[in-house]
Amino acid sequence: ALSRSGAYPDAPHGLGFIEPAMSEFVDEAEALQANV
């Protein structure tokens, strides 16, 4: 919905919207690994 929303006209098309979310996910996963 975020990628198709008209409120965000600059949202990437196709699978491009996954890159920033995956980067944040990787950072959180690394923090979790360090804590573990």
PDB file of all heavy atoms in Angstrom:
ATOM      1  N   ALA A   1       0.830  -1.199   0.000  1.00  0.00           N
ATOM      2  CA  ALA A   1       0.000   0.000   0.000  1.00  0.00           C
ATOM      3  C   ALA A   1       0.862   1.244   0.000  1.00  0.00           C
ATOM      4  O   ALA A   1       0.514   2.269  -0.607  1.00  0.00           O
ATOM      5  CB  ALA A   1      -0.917  -0.005   1.215  1.00  0.00           C
ATOM      6  N   LEU A   2       2.017   1.158   0.713  1.00  0.00           N
ATOM      7  CA  LEU A   2       2.922   2.306   0.748  1.00  0.00           C
ATOM      8  C   LEU A   2       3.449   2.621  -0.650  1.00  0.00           C
ATOM      9  O   LEU A   2       3.571   3.773  -1.058  1.00  0.00           O
ATOM     10  CB  LEU A   2       4.063   2.049   1.724  1.00  0.00           C
ATOM     11  CG  LEU A   2       5.111   3.163   1.875  1.00  0.00           C
ATOM     12  CD1 LEU A   2       4.446   4.410   2.451  1.00  0.00           C
ATOM     13  CD2 LEU A   2       6.250   2.712   2.772  1.00  0.00           C
ATOM     14  N   SER A   3       3.763   1.537  -1.392  1.00  0.00           N
ATOM     15  CA  SER A   3       4.316   1.744  -2.735  1.00  0.00           C
ATOM     16  C   SER A   3       3.252   2.234  -3.715  1.00  0.00           C
ATOM     17  O   SER A   3       3.565   2.904  -4.690  1.00  0.00           O
ATOM     18  CB  SER A   3       4.935   0.447  -3.247  1.00  0.00           C
ATOM     19  OG  SER A   3       3.908  -0.536  -3.399  1.00  0.00           O
ATOM     20  N   ARG A   4       2.021   1.941  -3.459  1.00  0.00           N
ATOM     21  CA  ARG A   4       0.948   2.325  -4.361  1.00  0.00           C
ATOM     22  C   ARG A   4       0.198   3.564  -3.897  1.00  0.00           C
ATOM     23  O   ARG A   4      -0.753   3.996  -4.535  1.00  0.00           O
ATOM     24  CB  ARG A   4      -0.057   1.165  -4.495  1.00  0.00           C
ATOM     25  CG  ARG A   4       0.531  -0.049  -5.145  1.00  0.00           C
ATOM     26  CD  ARG A   4       0.803   0.224  -6.636  1.00  0.00           C
ATOM     27  NE  ARG A   4       1.304  -1.000  -7.282  1.00  0.00           N
ATOM     28  CZ  ARG A   4       2.571  -1.173  -7.624  1.00  0.00           C
ATOM     29  NH1 ARG A   4       3.452  -0.215  -7.346  1.00  0.00           N
ATOM     30  NH2 ARG A   4       2.971  -2.278  -8.232  1.00  0.00           N
ATOM     31  N   SER A   5       0.566   4.124  -2.793  1.00  0.00           N
ATOM     32  CA  SER A   5      -0.162   5.249  -2.252  1.00  0.00           C
ATOM     33  C   SER A   5       0.162   6.509  -3.034  1.00  0.00           C
ATOM     34  O   SER A   5       1.318   6.738  -3.436  1.00  0.00           O
ATOM     35  CB  SER A   5       0.189   5.447  -0.765  1.00  0.00           C
ATOM     36  OG  SER A   5      -0.438   6.604  -0.268  1.00  0.00           O
ATOM     37  N   GLY A   6      -0.871   7.305  -3.165  1.00  0.00           N
ATOM     38  CA  GLY A   6      -0.648   8.570  -3.840  1.00  0.00           C
ATOM     39  C   GLY A   6      -0.052   9.617  -2.936  1.00  0.00           C
ATOM     40  O   GLY A   6       0.382  10.684  -3.391  1.00  0.00           O
ATOM     41  N   ALA A   7      -0.016   9.349  -1.620  1.00  0.00           N
ATOM     42  CA  ALA A   7       0.559  10.324  -0.685  1.00  0.00           C
ATOM     43  C   ALA A   7       2.067  10.377  -0.787  1.00  0.00           C
ATOM     44  O   ALA A   7       2.695  11.323  -0.316  1.00  0.00           O
ATOM     45  CB  ALA A   7       0.128   9.985   0.733  1.00  0.00           C
ATOM     46  N   TYR A   8       2.640   9.311  -1.348  1.00  0.00           N
ATOM     47  CA  TYR A   8       4.096   9.259  -1.500  1.00  0.00           C
ATOM     48  C   TYR A   8       4.420   9.119  -2.988  1.00  0.00           C
ATOM     49  O   TYR A   8       4.660   7.997  -3.489  1.00  0.00           O
ATOM     50  CB  TYR A   8       4.680   8.102  -0.713  1.00  0.00           C
ATOM     51  CG  TYR A   8       4.429   8.194   0.773  1.00  0.00           C
ATOM     52  CD1 TYR A   8       3.318   7.544   1.330  1.00  0.00           C
ATOM     53  CD2 TYR A   8       5.270   8.936   1.593  1.00  0.00           C
ATOM     54  CE1 TYR A   8       3.065   7.644   2.687  1.00  0.00           C
ATOM     55  CE2 TYR A   8       5.016   9.033   2.948  1.00  0.00           C
ATOM     56  CZ  TYR A   8       3.921   8.390   3.497  1.00  0.00           C
ATOM     57  OH  TYR A   8       3.679   8.481   4.838  1.00  0.00           O
ATOM     58  N   PRO A   9       4.387  10.176  -3.719  1.00  0.00           N
ATOM     59  CA  PRO A   9       4.631  10.064  -5.168  1.00  0.00           C
ATOM     60  C   PRO A   9       6.044   9.653  -5.504  1.00  0.00           C
ATOM     61  O   PRO A   9       6.298   9.123  -6.590  1.00  0.00           O
ATOM     62  CB  PRO A   9       4.322  11.480  -5.678  1.00  0.00           C
ATOM     63  CG  PRO A   9       4.539  12.370  -4.497  1.00  0.00           C
ATOM     64  CD  PRO A   9       4.142  11.567  -3.291  1.00  0.00           C
ATOM     65  N   ASP A  10       6.993   9.892  -4.549  1.00  0.00           N
ATOM     66  CA  ASP A  10       8.392   9.545  -4.819  1.00  0.00           C
ATOM     67  C   ASP A  10       8.706   8.112  -4.427  1.00  0.00           C
ATOM     68  O   ASP A  10       9.872   7.706  -4.416  1.00  0.00           O
ATOM     69  CB  ASP A  10       9.317  10.499  -4.058  1.00  0.00           C
ATOM     70  CG  ASP A  10       9.157  11.938  -4.513  1.00  0.00           C
ATOM     71  OD1 ASP A  10       8.748  12.122  -5.673  1.00  0.00           O
ATOM     72  OD2 ASP A  10       9.439  12.857  -3.700  1.00  0.00           O
ATOM     73  N   ALA A  11       7.711   7.313  -4.037  1.00  0.00           N
ATOM     74  CA  ALA A  11       7.966   5.925  -3.618  1.00  0.00           C
ATOM     75  C   ALA A  11       8.478   5.125  -4.803  1.00  0.00           C
ATOM     76  O   ALA A  11       8.035   5.314  -5.937  1.00  0.00           O
ATOM     77  CB  ALA A  11       6.686   5.310  -3.074  1.00  0.00           C
ATOM     78  N   PRO A  12       9.466   4.233  -4.556  1.00  0.00           N
ATOM     79  CA  PRO A  12      10.017   3.438  -5.659  1.00  0.00           C
ATOM     80  C   PRO A  12       8.954   2.474  -6.208  1.00  0.00           C
ATOM     81  O   PRO A  12       8.041   2.072  -5.508  1.00  0.00           O
ATOM     82  CB  PRO A  12      11.183   2.705  -5.003  1.00  0.00           C
ATOM     83  CG  PRO A  12      10.840   2.663  -3.552  1.00  0.00           C
ATOM     84  CD  PRO A  12      10.068   3.911  -3.273  1.00  0.00           C
ATOM     85  N   HIS A  13       9.152   2.121  -7.508  1.00  0.00           N
ATOM     86  CA  HIS A  13       8.235   1.201  -8.168  1.00  0.00           C
ATOM     87  C   HIS A  13       8.815  -0.205  -8.168  1.00  0.00           C
ATOM     88  O   HIS A  13      10.028  -0.387  -8.063  1.00  0.00           O
ATOM     89  CB  HIS A  13       7.964   1.666  -9.612  1.00  0.00           C
ATOM     90  CG  HIS A  13       7.322   3.010  -9.683  1.00  0.00           C
ATOM     91  ND1 HIS A  13       5.978   3.208  -9.492  1.00  0.00           N
ATOM     92  CD2 HIS A  13       7.851   4.262  -9.953  1.00  0.00           C
ATOM     93  CE1 HIS A  13       5.669   4.477  -9.622  1.00  0.00           C
ATOM     94  NE2 HIS A  13       6.814   5.156  -9.890  1.00  0.00           N
ATOM     95  N   GLY A  14       7.972  -1.144  -8.233  1.00  0.00           N
ATOM     96  CA  GLY A  14       8.406  -2.531  -8.279  1.00  0.00           C
ATOM     97  C   GLY A  14       8.930  -2.975  -6.917  1.00  0.00           C
ATOM     98  O   GLY A  14       8.318  -2.716  -5.876  1.00  0.00           O
ATOM     99  N   LEU A  15      10.094  -3.660  -6.896  1.00  0.00           N
ATOM    100  CA  LEU A  15      10.717  -4.147  -5.645  1.00  0.00           C
ATOM    101  C   LEU A  15      11.679  -3.143  -5.018  1.00  0.00           C
ATOM    102  O   LEU A  15      12.358  -3.449  -4.034  1.00  0.00           O
ATOM    103  CB  LEU A  15      11.460  -5.453  -5.924  1.00  0.00           C
ATOM    104  CG  LEU A  15      10.592  -6.629  -6.417  1.00  0.00           C
ATOM    105  CD1 LEU A  15      11.467  -7.834  -6.715  1.00  0.00           C
ATOM    106  CD2 LEU A  15       9.537  -6.959  -5.393  1.00  0.00           C
ATOM    107  N   GLY A  16      11.744  -1.976  -5.537  1.00  0.00           N
ATOM    108  CA  GLY A  16      12.672  -0.985  -4.998  1.00  0.00           C
ATOM    109  C   GLY A  16      12.321  -0.518  -3.598  1.00  0.00           C
ATOM    110  O   GLY A  16      13.185  -0.046  -2.839  1.00  0.00           O
ATOM    111  N   PHE A  17      11.052  -0.649  -3.247  1.00  0.00           N
ATOM    112  CA  PHE A  17      10.661  -0.184  -1.903  1.00  0.00           C
ATOM    113  C   PHE A  17      11.180  -1.099  -0.792  1.00  0.00           C
ATOM    114  O   PHE A  17      11.131  -0.759   0.369  1.00  0.00           O
ATOM    115  CB  PHE A  17       9.138  -0.089  -1.809  1.00  0.00           C
ATOM    116  CG  PHE A  17       8.463  -1.426  -1.854  1.00  0.00           C
ATOM    117  CD1 PHE A  17       8.189  -2.139  -0.695  1.00  0.00           C
ATOM    118  CD2 PHE A  17       8.130  -2.006  -3.082  1.00  0.00           C
ATOM    119  CE1 PHE A  17       7.573  -3.362  -0.759  1.00  0.00           C
ATOM    120  CE2 PHE A  17       7.521  -3.236  -3.129  1.00  0.00           C
ATOM    121  CZ  PHE A  17       7.229  -3.925  -1.968  1.00  0.00           C
ATOM    122  N   ILE A  18      11.673  -2.277  -1.150  1.00  0.00           N
ATOM    123  CA  ILE A  18      12.140  -3.227  -0.119  1.00  0.00           C
ATOM    124  C   ILE A  18      13.523  -2.833   0.399  1.00  0.00           C
ATOM    125  O   ILE A  18      13.886  -3.140   1.531  1.00  0.00           O
ATOM    126  CB  ILE A  18      12.154  -4.652  -0.696  1.00  0.00           C
ATOM    127  CG1 ILE A  18      10.737  -5.078  -1.099  1.00  0.00           C
ATOM    128  CG2 ILE A  18      12.736  -5.647   0.298  1.00  0.00           C
ATOM    129  CD1 ILE A  18      10.661  -6.462  -1.701  1.00  0.00           C
ATOM    130  N   GLU A  19      14.334  -2.127  -0.379  1.00  0.00           N
ATOM    131  CA  GLU A  19      15.734  -1.843   0.001  1.00  0.00           C
ATOM    132  C   GLU A  19      15.864  -1.074   1.312  1.00  0.00           C
ATOM    133  O   GLU A  19      16.591  -1.506   2.212  1.00  0.00           O
ATOM    134  CB  GLU A  19      16.408  -1.094  -1.137  1.00  0.00           C
ATOM    135  CG  GLU A  19      17.880  -0.796  -0.852  1.00  0.00           C
ATOM    136  CD  GLU A  19      18.551  -0.084  -2.020  1.00  0.00           C
ATOM    137  OE1 GLU A  19      17.885   0.128  -3.051  1.00  0.00           O
ATOM    138  OE2 GLU A  19      19.731   0.269  -1.876  1.00  0.00           O
ATOM    139  N   PRO A  20      15.180   0.068   1.529  1.00  0.00           N
ATOM    140  CA  PRO A  20      15.340   0.753   2.833  1.00  0.00           C
ATOM    141  C   PRO A  20      14.806  -0.059   4.001  1.00  0.00           C
ATOM    142  O   PRO A  20      15.385  -0.061   5.093  1.00  0.00           O
ATOM    143  CB  PRO A  20      14.556   2.049   2.642  1.00  0.00           C
ATOM    144  CG  PRO A  20      13.613   1.785   1.531  1.00  0.00           C
ATOM    145  CD  PRO A  20      14.303   0.816   0.605  1.00  0.00           C
ATOM    146  N   ALA A  21      13.723  -0.804   3.754  1.00  0.00           N
ATOM    147  CA  ALA A  21      13.190  -1.623   4.855  1.00  0.00           C
ATOM    148  C   ALA A  21      14.148  -2.739   5.220  1.00  0.00           C
ATOM    149  O   ALA A  21      14.363  -3.055   6.395  1.00  0.00           O
ATOM    150  CB  ALA A  21      11.826  -2.185   4.457  1.00  0.00           C
ATOM    151  N   MET A  22      14.763  -3.364   4.172  1.00  0.00           N
ATOM    152  CA  MET A  22      15.725  -4.429   4.460  1.00  0.00           C
ATOM    153  C   MET A  22      16.980  -3.890   5.148  1.00  0.00           C
ATOM    154  O   MET A  22      17.576  -4.555   5.997  1.00  0.00           O
ATOM    155  CB  MET A  22      16.089  -5.151   3.153  1.00  0.00           C
ATOM    156  CG  MET A  22      14.936  -5.943   2.555  1.00  0.00           C
ATOM    157  SD  MET A  22      14.309  -7.216   3.686  1.00  0.00           S
ATOM    158  CE  MET A  22      15.742  -8.266   3.779  1.00  0.00           C
ATOM    159  N   SER A  23      17.409  -2.680   4.796  1.00  0.00           N
ATOM    160  CA  SER A  23      18.584  -2.089   5.472  1.00  0.00           C
ATOM    161  C   SER A  23      18.310  -1.890   6.967  1.00  0.00           C
ATOM    162  O   SER A  23      19.142  -2.214   7.826  1.00  0.00           O
ATOM    163  CB  SER A  23      18.931  -0.740   4.827  1.00  0.00           C
ATOM    164  OG  SER A  23      19.266  -0.918   3.478  1.00  0.00           O
ATOM    165  N   GLU A  24      17.122  -1.354   7.264  1.00  0.00           N
ATOM    166  CA  GLU A  24      16.764  -1.190   8.677  1.00  0.00           C
ATOM    167  C   GLU A  24      16.647  -2.527   9.378  1.00  0.00           C
ATOM    168  O   GLU A  24      17.082  -2.688  10.522  1.00  0.00           O
ATOM    169  CB  GLU A  24      15.447  -0.416   8.776  1.00  0.00           C
ATOM    170  CG  GLU A  24      15.049  -0.070  10.193  1.00  0.00           C
ATOM    171  CD  GLU A  24      13.772   0.749  10.224  1.00  0.00           C
ATOM    172  OE1 GLU A  24      13.266   1.118   9.146  1.00  0.00           O
ATOM    173  OE2 GLU A  24      13.301   1.034  11.358  1.00  0.00           O
ATOM    174  N   PHE A  25      16.103  -3.505   8.654  1.00  0.00           N
ATOM    175  CA  PHE A  25      15.978  -4.845   9.245  1.00  0.00           C
ATOM    176  C   PHE A  25      17.340  -5.462   9.536  1.00  0.00           C
ATOM    177  O   PHE A  25      17.547  -6.110  10.558  1.00  0.00           O
ATOM    178  CB  PHE A  25      15.159  -5.727   8.285  1.00  0.00           C
ATOM    179  CG  PHE A  25      15.043  -7.148   8.748  1.00  0.00           C
ATOM    180  CD1 PHE A  25      14.188  -7.491   9.792  1.00  0.00           C
ATOM    181  CD2 PHE A  25      15.789  -8.166   8.144  1.00  0.00           C
ATOM    182  CE1 PHE A  25      14.083  -8.801  10.235  1.00  0.00           C
ATOM    183  CE2 PHE A  25      15.689  -9.468   8.579  1.00  0.00           C
ATOM    184  CZ  PHE A  25      14.832  -9.796   9.629  1.00  0.00           C
ATOM    185  N   VAL A  26      18.277  -5.268   8.612  1.00  0.00           N
ATOM    186  CA  VAL A  26      19.639  -5.796   8.828  1.00  0.00           C
ATOM    187  C   VAL A  26      20.284  -5.140  10.049  1.00  0.00           C
ATOM    188  O   VAL A  26      20.935  -5.802  10.865  1.00  0.00           O
ATOM    189  CB  VAL A  26      20.480  -5.586   7.563  1.00  0.00           C
ATOM    190  CG1 VAL A  26      21.958  -5.876   7.850  1.00  0.00           C
ATOM    191  CG2 VAL A  26      19.994  -6.469   6.438  1.00  0.00           C
ATOM    192  N   ASP A  27      20.107  -3.812  10.186  1.00  0.00           N
ATOM    193  CA  ASP A  27      20.689  -3.130  11.367  1.00  0.00           C
ATOM    194  C   ASP A  27      20.108  -3.680  12.664  1.00  0.00           C
ATOM    195  O   ASP A  27      20.841  -3.932  13.634  1.00  0.00           O
ATOM    196  CB  ASP A  27      20.428  -1.628  11.267  1.00  0.00           C
ATOM    197  CG  ASP A  27      21.158  -0.989  10.091  1.00  0.00           C
ATOM    198  OD1 ASP A  27      22.155  -1.604   9.644  1.00  0.00           O
ATOM    199  OD2 ASP A  27      20.734   0.090   9.661  1.00  0.00           O
ATOM    200  N   GLU A  28      18.790  -3.857  12.687  1.00  0.00           N
ATOM    201  CA  GLU A  28      18.169  -4.395  13.900  1.00  0.00           C
ATOM    202  C   GLU A  28      18.597  -5.835  14.161  1.00  0.00           C
ATOM    203  O   GLU A  28      18.793  -6.241  15.316  1.00  0.00           O
ATOM    204  CB  GLU A  28      16.647  -4.311  13.773  1.00  0.00           C
ATOM    205  CG  GLU A  28      16.099  -2.898  13.691  1.00  0.00           C
ATOM    206  CD  GLU A  28      16.378  -2.099  14.953  1.00  0.00           C
ATOM    207  OE1 GLU A  28      16.516  -2.728  16.039  1.00  0.00           O
ATOM    208  OE2 GLU A  28      16.490  -0.859  14.869  1.00  0.00           O
ATOM    209  N   ALA A  29      18.780  -6.613  13.092  1.00  0.00           N
ATOM    210  CA  ALA A  29      19.226  -8.000  13.256  1.00  0.00           C
ATOM    211  C   ALA A  29      20.646  -8.055  13.809  1.00  0.00           C
ATOM    212  O   ALA A  29      20.979  -8.896  14.662  1.00  0.00           O
ATOM    213  CB  ALA A  29      19.132  -8.734  11.921  1.00  0.00           C
ATOM    214  N   GLU A  30      21.509  -7.141  13.328  1.00  0.00           N
ATOM    215  CA  GLU A  30      22.874  -7.097  13.864  1.00  0.00           C
ATOM    216  C   GLU A  30      22.877  -6.702  15.339  1.00  0.00           C
ATOM    217  O   GLU A  30      23.628  -7.253  16.140  1.00  0.00           O
ATOM    218  CB  GLU A  30      23.701  -6.111  13.039  1.00  0.00           C
ATOM    219  CG  GLU A  30      24.007  -6.595  11.627  1.00  0.00           C
ATOM    220  CD  GLU A  30      24.784  -5.566  10.828  1.00  0.00           C
ATOM    221  OE1 GLU A  30      24.963  -4.428  11.359  1.00  0.00           O
ATOM    222  OE2 GLU A  30      25.205  -5.874   9.705  1.00  0.00           O
ATOM    223  N   ALA A  31      22.026  -5.720  15.712  1.00  0.00           N
ATOM    224  CA  ALA A  31      21.937  -5.344  17.134  1.00  0.00           C
ATOM    225  C   ALA A  31      21.448  -6.513  17.983  1.00  0.00           C
ATOM    226  O   ALA A  31      21.945  -6.770  19.093  1.00  0.00           O
ATOM    227  CB  ALA A  31      21.011  -4.137  17.294  1.00  0.00           C
ATOM    228  N   LEU A  32      20.450  -7.252  17.446  1.00  0.00           N
ATOM    229  CA  LEU A  32      19.950  -8.431  18.167  1.00  0.00           C
ATOM    230  C   LEU A  32      21.026  -9.481  18.321  1.00  0.00           C
ATOM    231  O   LEU A  32      21.178 -10.088  19.393  1.00  0.00           O
ATOM    232  CB  LEU A  32      18.736  -8.994  17.431  1.00  0.00           C
ATOM    233  CG  LEU A  32      18.134 -10.273  18.026  1.00  0.00           C
ATOM    234  CD1 LEU A  32      17.624 -10.006  19.443  1.00  0.00           C
ATOM    235  CD2 LEU A  32      17.009 -10.801  17.130  1.00  0.00           C
ATOM    236  N   GLN A  33      21.810  -9.695  17.257  1.00  0.00           N
ATOM    237  CA  GLN A  33      22.891 -10.678  17.338  1.00  0.00           C
ATOM    238  C   GLN A  33      23.934 -10.269  18.383  1.00  0.00           C
ATOM    239  O   GLN A  33      24.433 -11.097  19.145  1.00  0.00           O
ATOM    240  CB  GLN A  33      23.539 -10.857  15.960  1.00  0.00           C
ATOM    241  CG  GLN A  33      24.655 -11.913  15.942  1.00  0.00           C
ATOM    242  CD  GLN A  33      25.305 -12.047  14.580  1.00  0.00           C
ATOM    243  OE1 GLN A  33      24.944 -11.303  13.643  1.00  0.00           O
ATOM    244  NE2 GLN A  33      26.235 -12.976  14.452  1.00  0.00           N
ATOM    245  N   ALA A  34      24.267  -8.958  18.409  1.00  0.00           N
ATOM    246  CA  ALA A  34      25.245  -8.478  19.400  1.00  0.00           C
ATOM    247  C   ALA A  34      24.728  -8.683  20.826  1.00  0.00           C
ATOM    248  O   ALA A  34      25.469  -9.116  21.725  1.00  0.00           O
ATOM    249  CB  ALA A  34      25.558  -6.998  19.157  1.00  0.00           C
ATOM    250  N   ASN A  35      23.447  -8.402  21.022  1.00  0.00           N
ATOM    251  CA  ASN A  35      22.862  -8.603  22.360  1.00  0.00           C
ATOM    252  C   ASN A  35      22.845 -10.078  22.749  1.00  0.00           C
ATOM    253  O   ASN A  35      23.123 -10.446  23.900  1.00  0.00           O
ATOM    254  CB  ASN A  35      21.450  -8.030  22.410  1.00  0.00           C
ATOM    255  CG  ASN A  35      21.431  -6.515  22.267  1.00  0.00           C
ATOM    256  OD1 ASN A  35      22.419  -5.851  22.596  1.00  0.00           O
ATOM    257  ND2 ASN A  35      20.330  -5.970  21.770  1.00  0.00           N
ATOM    258  N   VAL A  36      22.516 -10.931  21.778  1.00  0.00           N
ATOM    259  CA  VAL A  36      22.503 -12.374  22.057  1.00  0.00           C
ATOM    260  C   VAL A  36      23.903 -12.869  22.385  1.00  0.00           C
ATOM    261  O   VAL A  36      24.100 -13.681  23.297  1.00  0.00           O
ATOM    262  CB  VAL A  36      21.901 -13.139  20.856  1.00  0.00           C
ATOM    263  CG1 VAL A  36      22.086 -14.652  21.034  1.00  0.00           C
ATOM    264  CG2 VAL A  36      20.421 -12.822  20.708  1.00  0.00           C
TER     265      VAL A  36
END
